[in-house]
Amino acid sequence: MVKLGVTPDEIVHVSASPKYDLRTAATIGIKNKVYMDRGFEHDEHWLDYKRITDIADLPVLLGLPRHDTR
Protein backbone atom coordinates (compact mmCIF):
# COMPACT_ATOMS: atom_id res chain seq x y z
CA MET A 1 0.00 0.00 0.00
CA VAL A 2 3.05 2.17 0.20
CA LYS A 3 3.04 2.28 -3.61
CA LEU A 4 -0.49 3.65 -3.52
CA GLY A 5 0.44 6.34 -1.03
CA VAL A 6 -2.40 5.43 1.32
CA THR A 7 -2.82 3.66 4.64
CA PRO A 8 -4.87 0.45 5.01
CA ASP A 9 -7.77 2.38 6.57
CA GLU A 10 -8.05 4.55 3.42
CA ILE A 11 -8.79 1.57 1.16
CA VAL A 12 -12.14 -0.13 0.52
CA HIS A 13 -11.82 -3.67 -0.81
CA VAL A 14 -14.96 -4.99 -2.54
CA SER A 15 -15.21 -8.66 -3.42
CA ALA A 16 -17.64 -11.49 -4.12
CA SER A 17 -15.33 -13.97 -2.37
CA PRO A 18 -14.77 -13.87 1.38
CA LYS A 19 -12.73 -17.06 1.17
CA TYR A 20 -10.16 -15.86 -1.36
CA ASP A 21 -10.21 -12.06 -1.51
CA LEU A 22 -11.53 -10.77 1.81
CA ARG A 23 -9.34 -13.10 3.88
CA THR A 24 -6.28 -11.76 2.07
CA ALA A 25 -7.44 -8.17 2.47
CA ALA A 26 -7.83 -8.74 6.22
CA THR A 27 -4.40 -10.35 6.43
CA ILE A 28 -2.67 -7.34 4.87
CA GLY A 29 -4.53 -4.95 7.17
CA ILE A 30 -7.32 -3.53 5.03
CA LYS A 31 -10.02 -2.48 7.48
CA ASN A 32 -12.84 -1.49 5.10
CA LYS A 33 -14.14 -4.59 3.36
CA VAL A 34 -17.40 -5.14 1.46
CA TYR A 35 -18.78 -8.54 0.53
CA MET A 36 -20.89 -8.48 -2.65
CA ASP A 37 -22.98 -11.54 -1.83
CA ARG A 38 -24.12 -13.28 -5.01
CA GLY A 39 -25.20 -16.40 -3.14
CA PHE A 40 -22.27 -18.60 -4.15
CA GLU A 41 -20.16 -18.53 -0.97
CA HIS A 42 -20.78 -18.71 2.75
CA ASP A 43 -20.53 -15.63 4.94
CA GLU A 44 -17.37 -15.41 7.01
CA HIS A 45 -18.48 -12.78 9.53
CA TRP A 46 -15.24 -13.01 11.49
CA LEU A 47 -13.61 -11.05 8.63
CA ASP A 48 -15.57 -7.95 9.71
CA TYR A 49 -17.00 -6.78 6.40
CA LYS A 50 -20.19 -5.08 5.28
CA ARG A 51 -22.48 -7.32 3.21
CA ILE A 52 -24.45 -6.13 0.18
CA THR A 53 -26.47 -8.06 -2.40
CA ASP A 54 -26.77 -5.27 -4.97
CA ILE A 55 -23.76 -3.31 -6.20
CA ALA A 56 -25.98 -0.20 -6.31
CA ASP A 57 -25.80 -0.27 -2.49
CA LEU A 58 -22.04 0.33 -2.51
CA PRO A 59 -22.24 4.14 -2.88
CA VAL A 60 -24.60 4.25 0.13
CA LEU A 61 -21.96 2.51 2.27
CA LEU A 62 -19.52 5.21 1.16
CA GLY A 63 -21.92 8.02 2.07
CA LEU A 64 -23.09 8.73 -1.47
CA PRO A 65 -26.57 8.48 -2.99
CA ARG A 66 -27.72 5.17 -4.40
CA HIS A 67 -27.65 4.97 -8.19
CA ASP A 68 -29.93 2.30 -9.60
CA THR A 69 -28.60 0.70 -12.74
CA ARG A 70 -31.90 -0.90 -13.71
C-alpha atoms as a PDB file:
ATOM      1  CA  MET A   1       0.000   0.000   0.000  1.00  0.00           C
ATOM      2  CA  VAL A   2       3.055   2.168   0.204  1.00  0.00           C
ATOM      3  CA  LYS A   3       3.042   2.283  -3.609  1.00  0.00           C
ATOM      4  CA  LEU A   4      -0.489   3.649  -3.522  1.00  0.00           C
ATOM      5  CA  GLY A   5       0.442   6.338  -1.035  1.00  0.00           C
ATOM      6  CA  VAL A   6      -2.395   5.431   1.323  1.00  0.00           C
ATOM      7  CA  THR A   7      -2.821   3.661   4.637  1.00  0.00           C
ATOM      8  CA  PRO A   8      -4.866   0.447   5.012  1.00  0.00           C
ATOM      9  CA  ASP A   9      -7.765   2.378   6.571  1.00  0.00           C
ATOM     10  CA  GLU A  10      -8.053   4.553   3.423  1.00  0.00           C
ATOM     11  CA  ILE A  11      -8.793   1.570   1.162  1.00  0.00           C
ATOM     12  CA  VAL A  12     -12.140  -0.127   0.524  1.00  0.00           C
ATOM     13  CA  HIS A  13     -11.824  -3.670  -0.811  1.00  0.00           C
ATOM     14  CA  VAL A  14     -14.959  -4.986  -2.540  1.00  0.00           C
ATOM     15  CA  SER A  15     -15.207  -8.663  -3.419  1.00  0.00           C
ATOM     16  CA  ALA A  16     -17.642 -11.491  -4.118  1.00  0.00           C
ATOM     17  CA  SER A  17     -15.327 -13.969  -2.370  1.00  0.00           C
ATOM     18  CA  PRO A  18     -14.765 -13.871   1.380  1.00  0.00           C
ATOM     19  CA  LYS A  19     -12.728 -17.060   1.166  1.00  0.00           C
ATOM     20  CA  TYR A  20     -10.165 -15.863  -1.358  1.00  0.00           C
ATOM     21  CA  ASP A  21     -10.207 -12.060  -1.506  1.00  0.00           C
ATOM     22  CA  LEU A  22     -11.528 -10.766   1.806  1.00  0.00           C
ATOM     23  CA  ARG A  23      -9.338 -13.097   3.883  1.00  0.00           C
ATOM     24  CA  THR A  24      -6.281 -11.763   2.066  1.00  0.00           C
ATOM     25  CA  ALA A  25      -7.435  -8.167   2.473  1.00  0.00           C
ATOM     26  CA  ALA A  26      -7.835  -8.744   6.219  1.00  0.00           C
ATOM     27  CA  THR A  27      -4.395 -10.354   6.427  1.00  0.00           C
ATOM     28  CA  ILE A  28      -2.675  -7.341   4.874  1.00  0.00           C
ATOM     29  CA  GLY A  29      -4.530  -4.954   7.170  1.00  0.00           C
ATOM     30  CA  ILE A  30      -7.318  -3.531   5.028  1.00  0.00           C
ATOM     31  CA  LYS A  31     -10.023  -2.476   7.481  1.00  0.00           C
ATOM     32  CA  ASN A  32     -12.841  -1.487   5.096  1.00  0.00           C
ATOM     33  CA  LYS A  33     -14.140  -4.591   3.355  1.00  0.00           C
ATOM     34  CA  VAL A  34     -17.398  -5.145   1.463  1.00  0.00           C
ATOM     35  CA  TYR A  35     -18.782  -8.543   0.531  1.00  0.00           C
ATOM     36  CA  MET A  36     -20.887  -8.478  -2.646  1.00  0.00           C
ATOM     37  CA  ASP A  37     -22.979 -11.544  -1.827  1.00  0.00           C
ATOM     38  CA  ARG A  38     -24.124 -13.279  -5.011  1.00  0.00           C
ATOM     39  CA  GLY A  39     -25.205 -16.397  -3.136  1.00  0.00           C
ATOM     40  CA  PHE A  40     -22.268 -18.597  -4.146  1.00  0.00           C
ATOM     41  CA  GLU A  41     -20.157 -18.527  -0.972  1.00  0.00           C
ATOM     42  CA  HIS A  42     -20.777 -18.708   2.753  1.00  0.00           C
ATOM     43  CA  ASP A  43     -20.534 -15.633   4.944  1.00  0.00           C
ATOM     44  CA  GLU A  44     -17.367 -15.406   7.011  1.00  0.00           C
ATOM     45  CA  HIS A  45     -18.485 -12.784   9.533  1.00  0.00           C
ATOM     46  CA  TRP A  46     -15.235 -13.014  11.487  1.00  0.00           C
ATOM     47  CA  LEU A  47     -13.609 -11.051   8.630  1.00  0.00           C
ATOM     48  CA  ASP A  48     -15.571  -7.953   9.711  1.00  0.00           C
ATOM     49  CA  TYR A  49     -16.996  -6.783   6.400  1.00  0.00           C
ATOM     50  CA  LYS A  50     -20.188  -5.076   5.275  1.00  0.00           C
ATOM     51  CA  ARG A  51     -22.479  -7.323   3.209  1.00  0.00           C
ATOM     52  CA  ILE A  52     -24.454  -6.131   0.180  1.00  0.00           C
ATOM     53  CA  THR A  53     -26.469  -8.057  -2.405  1.00  0.00           C
ATOM     54  CA  ASP A  54     -26.772  -5.272  -4.973  1.00  0.00           C
ATOM     55  CA  ILE A  55     -23.759  -3.315  -6.203  1.00  0.00           C
ATOM     56  CA  ALA A  56     -25.979  -0.202  -6.310  1.00  0.00           C
ATOM     57  CA  ASP A  57     -25.799  -0.265  -2.489  1.00  0.00           C
ATOM     58  CA  LEU A  58     -22.042   0.329  -2.507  1.00  0.00           C
ATOM     59  CA  PRO A  59     -22.238   4.135  -2.877  1.00  0.00           C
ATOM     60  CA  VAL A  60     -24.600   4.245   0.125  1.00  0.00           C
ATOM     61  CA  LEU A  61     -21.957   2.514   2.271  1.00  0.00           C
ATOM     62  CA  LEU A  62     -19.524   5.212   1.156  1.00  0.00           C
ATOM     63  CA  GLY A  63     -21.925   8.019   2.071  1.00  0.00           C
ATOM     64  CA  LEU A  64     -23.087   8.725  -1.471  1.00  0.00           C
ATOM     65  CA  PRO A  65     -26.569   8.481  -2.986  1.00  0.00           C
ATOM     66  CA  ARG A  66     -27.725   5.171  -4.399  1.00  0.00           C
ATOM     67  CA  HIS A  67     -27.646   4.972  -8.185  1.00  0.00           C
ATOM     68  CA  ASP A  68     -29.932   2.302  -9.601  1.00  0.00           C
ATOM     69  CA  THR A  69     -28.605   0.701 -12.736  1.00  0.00           C
ATOM     70  CA  ARG A  70     -31.903  -0.899 -13.712  1.00  0.00           C
END
